[in-house]
N, C-alpha and C. Protein backbone atom coordinates (compact mmCIF):
# COMPACT_ATOMS: atom_id res chain seq x y z
N ARG A 1 23.97 -102.69 43.21
CA ARG A 1 25.01 -103.52 42.63
C ARG A 1 24.51 -103.07 40.86
N ALA A 2 23.44 -103.01 40.89
CA ALA A 2 22.90 -102.41 38.89
C ALA A 2 23.63 -101.14 39.12
N VAL A 3 23.28 -99.99 40.21
CA VAL A 3 23.92 -98.78 39.85
C VAL A 3 25.52 -98.49 40.09
N PHE A 4 26.28 -99.37 40.16
CA PHE A 4 27.87 -99.67 40.19
C PHE A 4 27.91 -99.94 39.29
N LEU A 5 27.15 -101.26 38.65
CA LEU A 5 27.64 -102.00 36.78
C LEU A 5 27.44 -100.65 36.00
N TYR A 6 26.01 -100.02 36.18
CA TYR A 6 25.49 -99.27 34.72
C TYR A 6 26.42 -98.00 35.15
N GLY A 7 26.48 -97.61 36.39
CA GLY A 7 27.84 -96.37 36.22
C GLY A 7 29.02 -96.55 35.91
N ALA A 8 29.66 -97.57 36.47
CA ALA A 8 31.09 -98.08 35.68
C ALA A 8 30.81 -98.10 34.11
N LEU A 9 29.67 -98.81 33.59
CA LEU A 9 29.47 -98.41 32.05
C LEU A 9 29.79 -97.27 31.67
N LEU A 10 28.84 -96.47 32.18
CA LEU A 10 29.07 -95.00 31.93
C LEU A 10 30.27 -94.42 31.66
N ALA A 11 30.80 -95.10 32.79
CA ALA A 11 32.69 -94.30 33.27
C ALA A 11 33.29 -94.85 32.40
N THR A 12 33.00 -96.11 31.49
CA THR A 12 34.04 -96.41 30.63
C THR A 12 34.01 -95.91 29.09
N LEU A 13 32.25 -95.62 28.95
CA LEU A 13 31.90 -95.69 27.77
C LEU A 13 32.16 -94.23 27.13
N ILE A 14 31.79 -93.38 27.85
CA ILE A 14 31.99 -91.87 27.42
C ILE A 14 33.46 -90.83 27.56
N PRO A 15 33.98 -91.79 28.49
CA PRO A 15 35.90 -91.25 27.85
C PRO A 15 36.03 -91.68 26.43
N ILE A 16 35.61 -92.92 25.85
CA ILE A 16 35.62 -93.92 24.69
C ILE A 16 35.08 -92.54 23.49
N VAL A 17 34.17 -92.14 23.54
CA VAL A 17 33.23 -91.32 22.96
C VAL A 17 33.66 -90.10 23.01
N GLN A 18 34.55 -89.43 24.35
CA GLN A 18 35.07 -88.23 24.03
C GLN A 18 36.33 -88.12 23.63
N SER A 19 36.92 -89.35 23.40
CA SER A 19 38.31 -89.41 23.30
C SER A 19 38.12 -89.92 21.33
N ALA A 20 37.08 -90.14 21.01
CA ALA A 20 36.74 -90.49 19.48
C ALA A 20 36.33 -88.77 18.83
N LEU A 21 35.86 -88.38 19.37
CA LEU A 21 35.74 -86.98 19.20
C LEU A 21 36.95 -85.91 19.45
N SER A 22 37.57 -86.17 20.41
CA SER A 22 38.91 -85.52 20.33
C SER A 22 39.48 -86.15 18.89
N LEU A 23 39.99 -87.39 18.44
CA LEU A 23 40.58 -87.37 17.07
C LEU A 23 39.76 -87.25 16.34
N LEU A 24 38.82 -86.93 15.91
CA LEU A 24 37.75 -86.62 14.65
C LEU A 24 37.98 -84.79 14.82
N ASP A 25 38.09 -84.32 15.81
CA ASP A 25 37.93 -82.92 15.65
C ASP A 25 39.61 -82.22 15.21
N ARG A 26 40.24 -83.43 15.41
CA ARG A 26 42.03 -82.54 15.73
C ARG A 26 42.04 -82.71 13.91
N LEU A 27 41.65 -84.03 13.59
CA LEU A 27 41.48 -84.26 12.06
C LEU A 27 40.79 -83.32 10.98
N ALA A 28 39.49 -83.03 11.60
CA ALA A 28 38.90 -81.62 10.67
C ALA A 28 39.61 -80.58 11.00
N LEU A 29 40.45 -80.33 12.16
CA LEU A 29 41.03 -78.93 11.98
C LEU A 29 42.43 -79.24 10.75
N GLN A 30 42.75 -80.16 11.01
CA GLN A 30 44.12 -80.09 10.38
C GLN A 30 43.62 -80.24 9.12
N MET A 31 42.58 -80.98 8.60
CA MET A 31 41.68 -81.09 6.99
C MET A 31 41.38 -79.80 6.81
N VAL A 32 41.09 -78.83 7.43
CA VAL A 32 40.88 -77.48 7.04
C VAL A 32 41.89 -76.46 7.12
N GLY A 33 43.03 -76.88 7.78
CA GLY A 33 44.54 -75.93 7.31
C GLY A 33 44.80 -75.54 8.88
N LEU A 34 44.31 -75.76 9.92
CA LEU A 34 43.94 -75.27 11.29
C LEU A 34 45.14 -75.92 12.06
N SER A 35 45.45 -75.76 13.25
CA SER A 35 46.33 -76.07 14.28
C SER A 35 45.35 -77.25 14.95
N ALA A 36 45.99 -78.77 15.41
CA ALA A 36 45.01 -79.22 16.36
C ALA A 36 44.85 -78.92 17.37
N SER A 37 45.48 -77.35 18.22
CA SER A 37 45.52 -76.97 18.93
C SER A 37 43.98 -76.24 19.32
N GLN A 38 43.64 -76.03 18.32
CA GLN A 38 42.23 -75.78 18.58
C GLN A 38 41.07 -76.66 18.85
N ALA A 39 41.29 -77.70 18.82
CA ALA A 39 40.16 -78.63 19.16
C ALA A 39 39.26 -78.36 20.38
N ILE A 40 38.16 -78.58 20.23
CA ILE A 40 37.30 -78.44 22.20
C ILE A 40 37.53 -79.26 22.53
N ILE A 41 38.05 -80.54 22.52
CA ILE A 41 38.22 -81.16 23.64
C ILE A 41 39.48 -82.28 23.21
N GLY A 42 40.58 -82.04 24.56
CA GLY A 42 42.04 -82.79 24.90
C GLY A 42 42.54 -81.90 23.47
N PRO A 43 42.96 -80.74 23.41
CA PRO A 43 43.47 -79.63 22.41
C PRO A 43 45.14 -80.36 22.54
N ASN A 44 45.63 -80.34 23.71
CA ASN A 44 47.03 -80.71 23.98
C ASN A 44 47.30 -82.38 23.97
N GLN A 45 46.28 -83.12 23.61
CA GLN A 45 46.58 -84.35 23.59
C GLN A 45 46.81 -84.74 22.12
N SER A 46 47.42 -86.05 22.49
CA SER A 46 48.07 -86.37 20.90
C SER A 46 47.37 -87.70 20.35
N TRP A 47 47.79 -88.39 19.57
CA TRP A 47 46.97 -89.42 18.67
C TRP A 47 47.30 -90.64 19.95
N SER A 48 47.73 -91.07 19.90
CA SER A 48 48.60 -91.66 20.58
C SER A 48 47.92 -91.73 22.35
N ASP A 49 47.25 -90.78 22.91
CA ASP A 49 46.58 -90.75 23.91
C ASP A 49 45.24 -90.93 24.24
N ASN A 50 44.64 -90.50 23.26
CA ASN A 50 43.54 -90.76 22.54
C ASN A 50 42.93 -92.39 22.16
N LEU A 51 44.19 -93.19 21.50
CA LEU A 51 43.92 -94.57 21.04
C LEU A 51 44.14 -95.29 22.48
N ILE A 52 45.40 -94.74 23.43
CA ILE A 52 45.36 -95.81 24.36
C ILE A 52 44.12 -95.42 25.19
N ALA A 53 43.68 -94.62 25.37
CA ALA A 53 42.36 -94.44 26.10
C ALA A 53 40.86 -95.36 25.91
N ILE A 54 40.70 -95.37 24.54
CA ILE A 54 39.50 -95.76 23.84
C ILE A 54 40.18 -97.46 24.03
N GLY A 55 41.14 -97.52 23.75
CA GLY A 55 41.84 -98.99 24.54
C GLY A 55 41.17 -99.65 25.20
N MET A 56 41.61 -99.03 26.35
CA MET A 56 42.02 -99.30 27.99
C MET A 56 40.39 -98.92 28.34
N ASN A 57 39.82 -98.28 27.88
CA ASN A 57 38.32 -97.98 28.35
C ASN A 57 37.13 -99.17 27.58
N ALA A 58 37.79 -99.67 26.53
CA ALA A 58 36.94 -100.11 25.68
C ALA A 58 37.03 -102.01 26.43
N ILE A 59 37.94 -101.85 26.80
CA ILE A 59 38.30 -103.64 27.89
C ILE A 59 37.86 -103.70 28.91
N ALA A 60 37.58 -102.41 30.11
CA ALA A 60 36.60 -102.45 30.75
C ALA A 60 35.62 -102.58 30.60
N ALA A 61 34.89 -101.53 29.24
CA ALA A 61 33.37 -101.81 29.38
C ALA A 61 33.04 -103.10 28.63
N ALA A 62 34.16 -103.78 28.42
CA ALA A 62 33.29 -105.03 27.64
C ALA A 62 33.10 -105.77 29.08
N TYR A 63 34.10 -105.86 30.06
CA TYR A 63 33.88 -106.85 31.23
C TYR A 63 33.05 -106.51 32.16
N PHE A 64 32.32 -105.03 32.45
CA PHE A 64 31.38 -104.54 32.60
C PHE A 64 29.87 -105.18 32.18
N VAL A 65 30.30 -105.14 30.33
CA VAL A 65 28.91 -105.58 29.93
C VAL A 65 28.84 -107.38 30.14
N THR A 66 29.58 -107.67 29.99
CA THR A 66 29.71 -109.28 30.56
C THR A 66 29.18 -109.60 31.47
N VAL A 67 29.49 -108.45 32.74
CA VAL A 67 29.39 -109.15 34.12
C VAL A 67 27.62 -108.66 34.09
N LEU A 68 27.38 -107.57 33.52
CA LEU A 68 25.77 -107.06 33.60
C LEU A 68 24.89 -108.35 32.81
N ARG A 69 25.51 -108.68 31.92
CA ARG A 69 24.68 -109.95 30.84
C ARG A 69 24.63 -111.17 31.75
N ALA A 70 25.49 -111.13 32.56
CA ALA A 70 25.46 -112.36 33.43
C ALA A 70 24.45 -112.56 34.42
N ASP A 71 24.37 -111.27 35.00
CA ASP A 71 23.41 -110.61 36.49
C ASP A 71 21.82 -110.83 35.52
N TRP A 72 21.96 -110.50 34.41
CA TRP A 72 20.62 -110.19 33.91
C TRP A 72 20.07 -111.74 33.82
N GLN A 73 20.88 -112.57 33.68
CA GLN A 73 20.85 -114.36 33.43
C GLN A 73 20.26 -114.84 34.74
N VAL A 74 20.76 -114.54 35.78
CA VAL A 74 20.80 -114.92 37.18
C VAL A 74 19.52 -114.14 38.11
N ILE A 75 19.68 -112.99 38.20
CA ILE A 75 18.66 -111.88 39.18
C ILE A 75 17.59 -112.33 39.07
N ALA A 76 16.53 -112.92 39.98
CA ALA A 76 15.32 -113.15 39.99
C ALA A 76 14.11 -111.60 40.47
N THR A 77 14.50 -110.61 40.85
CA THR A 77 13.82 -109.78 40.62
C THR A 77 14.93 -108.46 39.90
N LYS A 78 13.96 -108.32 38.70
CA LYS A 78 14.38 -107.42 37.85
C LYS A 78 14.32 -105.79 38.00
N ASP A 79 13.61 -105.35 38.94
CA ASP A 79 13.07 -103.93 39.06
C ASP A 79 13.62 -103.04 38.96
N SER A 80 14.84 -103.53 40.02
CA SER A 80 16.16 -102.61 40.04
C SER A 80 16.87 -102.27 38.97
N PHE A 81 17.27 -103.40 38.73
CA PHE A 81 17.97 -103.43 37.26
C PHE A 81 17.38 -102.64 36.02
N THR A 82 16.15 -103.16 36.02
CA THR A 82 14.97 -102.37 35.33
C THR A 82 15.46 -100.65 35.00
N ASP A 83 14.83 -100.33 36.36
CA ASP A 83 14.39 -98.92 36.55
C ASP A 83 16.38 -98.38 36.25
N ILE A 84 17.18 -98.91 37.08
CA ILE A 84 18.56 -98.66 36.49
C ILE A 84 19.16 -98.37 34.93
N ARG A 85 18.46 -99.40 34.67
CA ARG A 85 19.03 -99.59 32.98
C ARG A 85 17.88 -98.73 32.24
N ARG A 86 17.20 -98.03 32.48
CA ARG A 86 16.06 -97.21 31.87
C ARG A 86 17.07 -95.64 32.22
N ILE A 87 17.54 -95.52 33.52
CA ILE A 87 17.93 -94.02 33.72
C ILE A 87 19.48 -94.10 32.69
N TYR A 88 20.03 -95.64 32.73
CA TYR A 88 21.38 -95.04 31.67
C TYR A 88 20.80 -95.03 30.21
N ARG A 89 19.93 -95.70 29.67
CA ARG A 89 19.52 -95.48 28.50
C ARG A 89 19.29 -94.12 27.99
N HIS A 90 18.51 -93.47 29.00
CA HIS A 90 18.01 -91.56 29.41
C HIS A 90 18.99 -90.92 29.09
N VAL A 91 20.11 -91.59 30.00
CA VAL A 91 21.42 -90.31 29.89
C VAL A 91 22.24 -90.37 28.44
N TRP A 92 22.20 -91.87 28.15
CA TRP A 92 22.82 -91.70 26.72
C TRP A 92 22.17 -90.57 25.66
N LEU A 93 20.67 -91.09 25.62
CA LEU A 93 19.81 -90.18 24.96
C LEU A 93 20.37 -88.79 25.07
N ILE A 94 20.23 -87.98 26.51
CA ILE A 94 20.36 -86.77 26.39
C ILE A 94 21.77 -86.62 26.13
N TYR A 95 22.63 -87.23 26.53
CA TYR A 95 24.40 -86.97 26.23
C TYR A 95 24.35 -86.83 24.73
N SER A 96 23.90 -87.80 23.97
CA SER A 96 24.24 -87.88 22.52
C SER A 96 23.19 -86.26 21.63
N LEU A 97 21.97 -86.16 22.43
CA LEU A 97 21.16 -85.42 22.16
C LEU A 97 21.79 -83.70 22.20
N GLY A 98 22.77 -83.86 22.81
CA GLY A 98 23.56 -82.59 23.41
C GLY A 98 25.08 -82.49 22.39
N PHE A 99 25.56 -83.43 21.93
CA PHE A 99 26.58 -83.47 20.92
C PHE A 99 26.10 -82.82 19.24
N VAL A 100 24.29 -83.54 19.05
CA VAL A 100 23.97 -83.21 17.85
C VAL A 100 23.43 -81.96 18.27
N VAL A 101 22.73 -81.35 18.76
CA VAL A 101 22.61 -79.30 19.05
C VAL A 101 23.70 -79.05 18.90
N ALA A 102 24.77 -79.16 19.40
CA ALA A 102 26.28 -78.46 19.24
C ALA A 102 26.53 -78.53 18.24
N ALA A 103 26.34 -79.75 17.50
CA ALA A 103 26.82 -79.96 16.12
C ALA A 103 25.85 -78.87 15.11
N VAL A 104 24.48 -78.69 15.02
CA VAL A 104 23.60 -77.73 14.41
C VAL A 104 24.15 -76.68 14.39
N GLN A 105 24.69 -76.32 15.88
CA GLN A 105 24.78 -74.94 16.18
C GLN A 105 26.31 -74.03 15.55
N GLN A 106 26.94 -75.34 15.83
CA GLN A 106 28.12 -75.04 15.14
C GLN A 106 28.49 -74.77 13.70
N LEU A 107 27.52 -75.93 12.73
CA LEU A 107 27.37 -75.88 11.66
C LEU A 107 26.45 -74.18 11.09
N LEU A 108 25.47 -74.23 11.88
CA LEU A 108 24.66 -72.90 11.31
C LEU A 108 25.55 -71.64 11.86
N TRP A 109 26.31 -71.23 12.96
CA TRP A 109 27.19 -70.57 12.87
C TRP A 109 28.27 -70.27 11.96
N PHE A 110 28.94 -71.67 11.55
CA PHE A 110 29.58 -71.54 10.14
C PHE A 110 29.01 -71.03 9.33
N ILE A 111 27.53 -71.86 8.65
CA ILE A 111 27.14 -71.10 7.22
C ILE A 111 26.85 -69.49 7.11
N LEU A 112 26.14 -69.40 8.47
CA LEU A 112 25.41 -67.60 8.80
C LEU A 112 26.72 -66.78 8.86
N ASN A 113 27.43 -67.00 9.30
CA ASN A 113 28.56 -66.01 9.19
C ASN A 113 30.32 -66.04 9.03
N ALA A 114 29.68 -67.05 7.62
CA ALA A 114 31.04 -67.55 6.40
C ALA A 114 31.28 -66.40 6.10
N PHE A 115 30.67 -65.75 5.14
CA PHE A 115 30.30 -65.15 4.05
C PHE A 115 30.31 -63.59 4.23
N PRO A 116 31.24 -62.62 3.40
CA PRO A 116 31.96 -62.59 2.76
C PRO A 116 33.19 -63.57 2.75
N SER A 117 33.65 -63.84 3.77
CA SER A 117 35.18 -64.38 3.91
C SER A 117 35.37 -66.00 4.81
N VAL A 118 35.18 -66.83 3.92
CA VAL A 118 34.97 -67.95 4.17
C VAL A 118 36.31 -68.73 4.57
N LEU A 119 36.94 -67.77 4.50
CA LEU A 119 38.47 -68.88 4.68
C LEU A 119 38.91 -68.00 6.14
N SER A 120 37.69 -67.49 6.50
CA SER A 120 38.23 -66.48 8.05
C SER A 120 38.74 -67.85 8.83
N PHE A 121 39.42 -67.43 9.81
CA PHE A 121 40.14 -68.57 10.87
C PHE A 121 38.78 -69.25 11.78
N PRO A 122 38.52 -68.48 12.31
CA PRO A 122 37.46 -68.50 13.39
C PRO A 122 35.93 -69.56 12.91
N TYR A 123 35.89 -68.96 11.48
CA TYR A 123 34.78 -69.91 10.69
C TYR A 123 35.29 -71.64 9.92
N ARG A 124 36.63 -71.23 9.67
CA ARG A 124 36.58 -72.88 9.64
C ARG A 124 36.65 -73.35 10.71
N ALA A 125 37.35 -73.08 12.10
CA ALA A 125 37.18 -73.84 13.06
C ALA A 125 35.74 -74.59 13.61
N ASN A 126 34.96 -73.47 13.34
CA ASN A 126 33.55 -74.03 13.70
C ASN A 126 32.94 -75.00 12.85
N GLY A 127 33.27 -74.88 11.76
CA GLY A 127 32.70 -75.90 10.56
C GLY A 127 33.16 -77.04 10.83
N ALA A 128 34.75 -76.88 11.33
CA ALA A 128 35.54 -78.75 11.33
C ALA A 128 34.68 -78.99 12.70
N HIS A 129 34.68 -78.43 13.86
CA HIS A 129 34.00 -78.79 14.89
C HIS A 129 32.89 -79.23 14.71
N GLY A 130 31.89 -78.58 13.79
CA GLY A 130 30.43 -79.04 13.76
C GLY A 130 30.42 -80.34 12.79
N ILE A 131 31.68 -80.79 12.11
CA ILE A 131 31.53 -81.76 11.50
C ILE A 131 31.78 -82.90 12.02
N ALA A 132 32.89 -82.92 13.30
CA ALA A 132 33.29 -83.80 14.23
C ALA A 132 32.18 -84.39 15.26
N LEU A 133 31.31 -83.38 15.66
CA LEU A 133 30.50 -83.25 16.32
C LEU A 133 29.38 -84.12 15.83
N ILE A 134 29.11 -83.76 14.68
CA ILE A 134 28.01 -84.39 13.82
C ILE A 134 28.28 -86.13 13.51
N LEU A 135 29.35 -86.42 13.26
CA LEU A 135 29.32 -87.57 12.60
C LEU A 135 29.84 -88.72 14.04
N ILE A 136 29.78 -87.88 15.34
CA ILE A 136 29.97 -88.51 16.25
C ILE A 136 28.70 -88.95 17.16
N GLY A 137 27.68 -87.48 17.46
CA GLY A 137 26.58 -87.16 17.93
C GLY A 137 25.65 -87.66 16.90
N LEU A 138 25.12 -87.82 15.96
CA LEU A 138 24.36 -88.35 15.30
C LEU A 138 24.16 -89.73 15.36
N PRO A 139 25.50 -90.96 14.69
CA PRO A 139 25.33 -92.20 15.00
C PRO A 139 24.80 -92.69 16.62
N LEU A 140 25.37 -91.66 17.83
CA LEU A 140 25.13 -92.51 19.02
C LEU A 140 23.34 -91.90 19.48
N TRP A 141 23.32 -91.01 18.81
CA TRP A 141 21.85 -90.24 19.00
C TRP A 141 20.88 -91.59 18.28
N TYR A 142 20.76 -91.82 17.50
CA TYR A 142 19.93 -92.97 16.60
C TYR A 142 19.99 -93.79 17.32
N PHE A 143 21.25 -94.15 17.75
CA PHE A 143 21.49 -95.87 18.66
C PHE A 143 20.34 -96.05 20.04
N SER A 144 20.65 -94.33 20.30
CA SER A 144 20.27 -94.49 21.85
C SER A 144 18.69 -94.62 21.98
N TRP A 145 18.12 -93.36 20.75
CA TRP A 145 16.74 -93.19 20.44
C TRP A 145 16.45 -94.86 19.54
N LYS A 146 17.03 -95.30 19.28
CA LYS A 146 16.18 -96.82 18.46
C LYS A 146 15.92 -97.70 19.90
N THR A 147 17.14 -97.78 20.70
CA THR A 147 17.50 -98.57 21.85
C THR A 147 15.71 -98.12 22.62
N LEU A 148 15.71 -97.03 22.98
CA LEU A 148 14.78 -96.64 23.35
C LEU A 148 13.42 -96.70 23.04
N GLN A 149 13.44 -96.78 21.61
CA GLN A 149 11.65 -97.06 21.14
C GLN A 149 11.52 -98.90 20.95
N ASP A 150 12.71 -99.50 20.77
CA ASP A 150 12.49 -100.79 20.92
C ASP A 150 12.43 -101.13 22.20
N ALA A 151 12.43 -100.28 23.43
CA ALA A 151 12.16 -101.22 24.50
C ALA A 151 10.81 -100.77 24.97
N LEU A 152 9.95 -100.00 24.05
CA LEU A 152 8.54 -99.70 24.21
C LEU A 152 7.74 -100.64 23.90
N ALA A 153 8.34 -101.90 23.78
CA ALA A 153 7.26 -102.84 23.17
C ALA A 153 6.76 -103.51 24.81
N GLY A 154 8.16 -103.21 25.64
CA GLY A 154 7.47 -103.74 26.79
C GLY A 154 6.36 -102.94 27.77
N HIS A 155 5.34 -103.13 28.62
CA HIS A 155 4.76 -102.43 29.18
C HIS A 155 5.42 -102.09 29.71
N ALA A 156 5.82 -102.43 31.04
CA ALA A 156 6.68 -101.02 31.88
C ALA A 156 7.44 -100.33 31.44
N GLU A 157 8.20 -100.29 29.79
CA GLU A 157 8.70 -98.94 29.31
C GLU A 157 7.75 -97.98 28.96
N ARG A 158 6.81 -98.27 28.64
CA ARG A 158 5.45 -97.49 28.57
C ARG A 158 5.09 -96.58 29.19
N GLU A 159 4.95 -97.50 30.66
CA GLU A 159 4.22 -96.55 31.41
C GLU A 159 5.19 -95.95 32.50
N SER A 160 6.59 -96.09 32.06
CA SER A 160 7.41 -95.21 32.83
C SER A 160 7.42 -93.99 33.06
N LEU A 161 7.54 -93.13 34.35
CA LEU A 161 7.45 -92.19 34.66
C LEU A 161 8.54 -91.08 34.23
N LEU A 162 9.87 -91.90 34.10
CA LEU A 162 10.95 -91.47 34.05
C LEU A 162 10.75 -91.12 32.88
N ARG A 163 10.54 -91.73 31.43
CA ARG A 163 10.27 -91.71 30.17
C ARG A 163 9.44 -90.47 29.72
N LEU A 164 8.38 -90.51 30.56
CA LEU A 164 7.41 -89.23 30.02
C LEU A 164 8.42 -87.76 30.83
N GLY A 165 8.66 -88.10 31.92
CA GLY A 165 9.74 -86.69 32.07
C GLY A 165 10.71 -86.62 31.43
N VAL A 166 11.39 -87.18 31.01
CA VAL A 166 12.63 -86.98 30.25
C VAL A 166 11.67 -86.46 28.50
N LEU A 167 10.82 -86.52 28.41
CA LEU A 167 9.87 -86.27 26.88
C LEU A 167 9.07 -84.56 27.08
N TYR A 168 8.84 -85.14 28.62
CA TYR A 168 8.43 -83.54 28.72
C TYR A 168 9.36 -82.38 28.86
N LEU A 169 10.46 -82.77 29.84
CA LEU A 169 11.61 -82.00 29.58
C LEU A 169 12.37 -81.46 28.47
N LEU A 170 12.56 -82.44 27.32
CA LEU A 170 12.99 -82.63 25.74
C LEU A 170 12.04 -81.35 25.18
N ALA A 171 11.07 -81.60 25.30
CA ALA A 171 9.84 -80.75 24.64
C ALA A 171 9.80 -79.44 25.53
N LEU A 172 10.42 -78.97 26.22
CA LEU A 172 10.47 -77.90 27.31
C LEU A 172 11.81 -76.94 26.41
N ALA A 173 12.63 -78.08 26.71
CA ALA A 173 14.20 -77.36 26.37
C ALA A 173 14.23 -76.90 25.04
N GLY A 174 13.18 -77.82 23.81
CA GLY A 174 13.20 -77.22 22.46
C GLY A 174 12.33 -76.19 22.67
N VAL A 175 11.19 -75.80 23.28
CA VAL A 175 10.44 -74.68 23.04
C VAL A 175 11.21 -73.11 23.73
N THR A 176 12.01 -73.73 24.54
CA THR A 176 12.83 -72.68 25.20
C THR A 176 13.78 -72.31 24.19
N THR A 177 14.75 -72.93 23.79
CA THR A 177 15.16 -72.44 22.35
C THR A 177 14.82 -71.98 21.46
N VAL A 178 14.04 -72.39 20.93
CA VAL A 178 12.87 -71.77 19.85
C VAL A 178 12.25 -70.17 19.87
N LEU A 179 11.97 -70.10 21.60
CA LEU A 179 11.67 -68.92 21.81
C LEU A 179 12.79 -67.75 21.91
N GLY A 180 13.82 -68.07 22.57
CA GLY A 180 15.27 -68.12 22.84
C GLY A 180 15.35 -67.55 21.74
N ALA A 181 15.98 -68.61 20.97
CA ALA A 181 16.43 -68.04 19.43
C ALA A 181 15.83 -66.92 18.49
N GLY A 182 13.95 -66.86 18.70
CA GLY A 182 13.28 -65.92 17.88
C GLY A 182 13.63 -64.55 18.82
N GLY A 183 13.58 -64.53 20.18
CA GLY A 183 13.99 -63.17 20.46
C GLY A 183 15.44 -62.51 20.37
N VAL A 184 16.08 -63.20 19.95
CA VAL A 184 17.26 -62.59 18.90
C VAL A 184 17.51 -62.92 18.02
N LEU A 185 16.45 -63.13 17.28
CA LEU A 185 16.33 -62.59 16.10
C LEU A 185 15.65 -61.40 16.00
N ILE A 186 14.70 -61.70 16.60
CA ILE A 186 13.38 -60.48 16.52
C ILE A 186 14.54 -59.16 17.06
N ASP A 187 15.33 -59.28 18.37
CA ASP A 187 16.32 -58.34 18.40
C ASP A 187 17.11 -57.69 17.31
N VAL A 188 17.51 -58.49 16.50
CA VAL A 188 18.41 -58.36 15.63
C VAL A 188 17.55 -57.36 14.43
N ILE A 189 16.70 -57.76 14.38
CA ILE A 189 15.82 -57.10 13.06
C ILE A 189 15.20 -55.86 13.47
N LEU A 190 14.88 -56.06 15.28
CA LEU A 190 14.68 -54.62 15.02
C LEU A 190 15.38 -53.46 15.71
């Protein structure tokens, strides 16, 4: 039951985030004078498509949140619900961190490659994508990270092997990224 409810919640909230990103990306592209068809997500969708998707998924998500809150009040052994909720929270953390990393990559690409032709087509698109990604990803990441930090008040969360594994995985990914980028930079310099 916990797997289904948290999985259904993910399956309704992720399309909301994706639709919001699609809306913001198309808006950012139009603001810099580019076609909305250059959007990274949903280039062929309309505003109404995204708004309908957000509304319908929000209704379904509200239902699943209500059911989950009721279940948390009733269940006697909360071990499986606690474990699945922990996985759910870490999925959100990694998902939102992906947005932030993609935003930084797009914005750095825009900044480093825009000169001397600032008005060049691909660079304006990178800047617009980066702005849309950061507007969605940063608040989502902050909320995910804050939720995980607040949960550390409980002893079970501090001792969680999943938490430790995710921290090591993120540290390893960061080191790999820095070494890879450093190798490319050295290659360009040499």
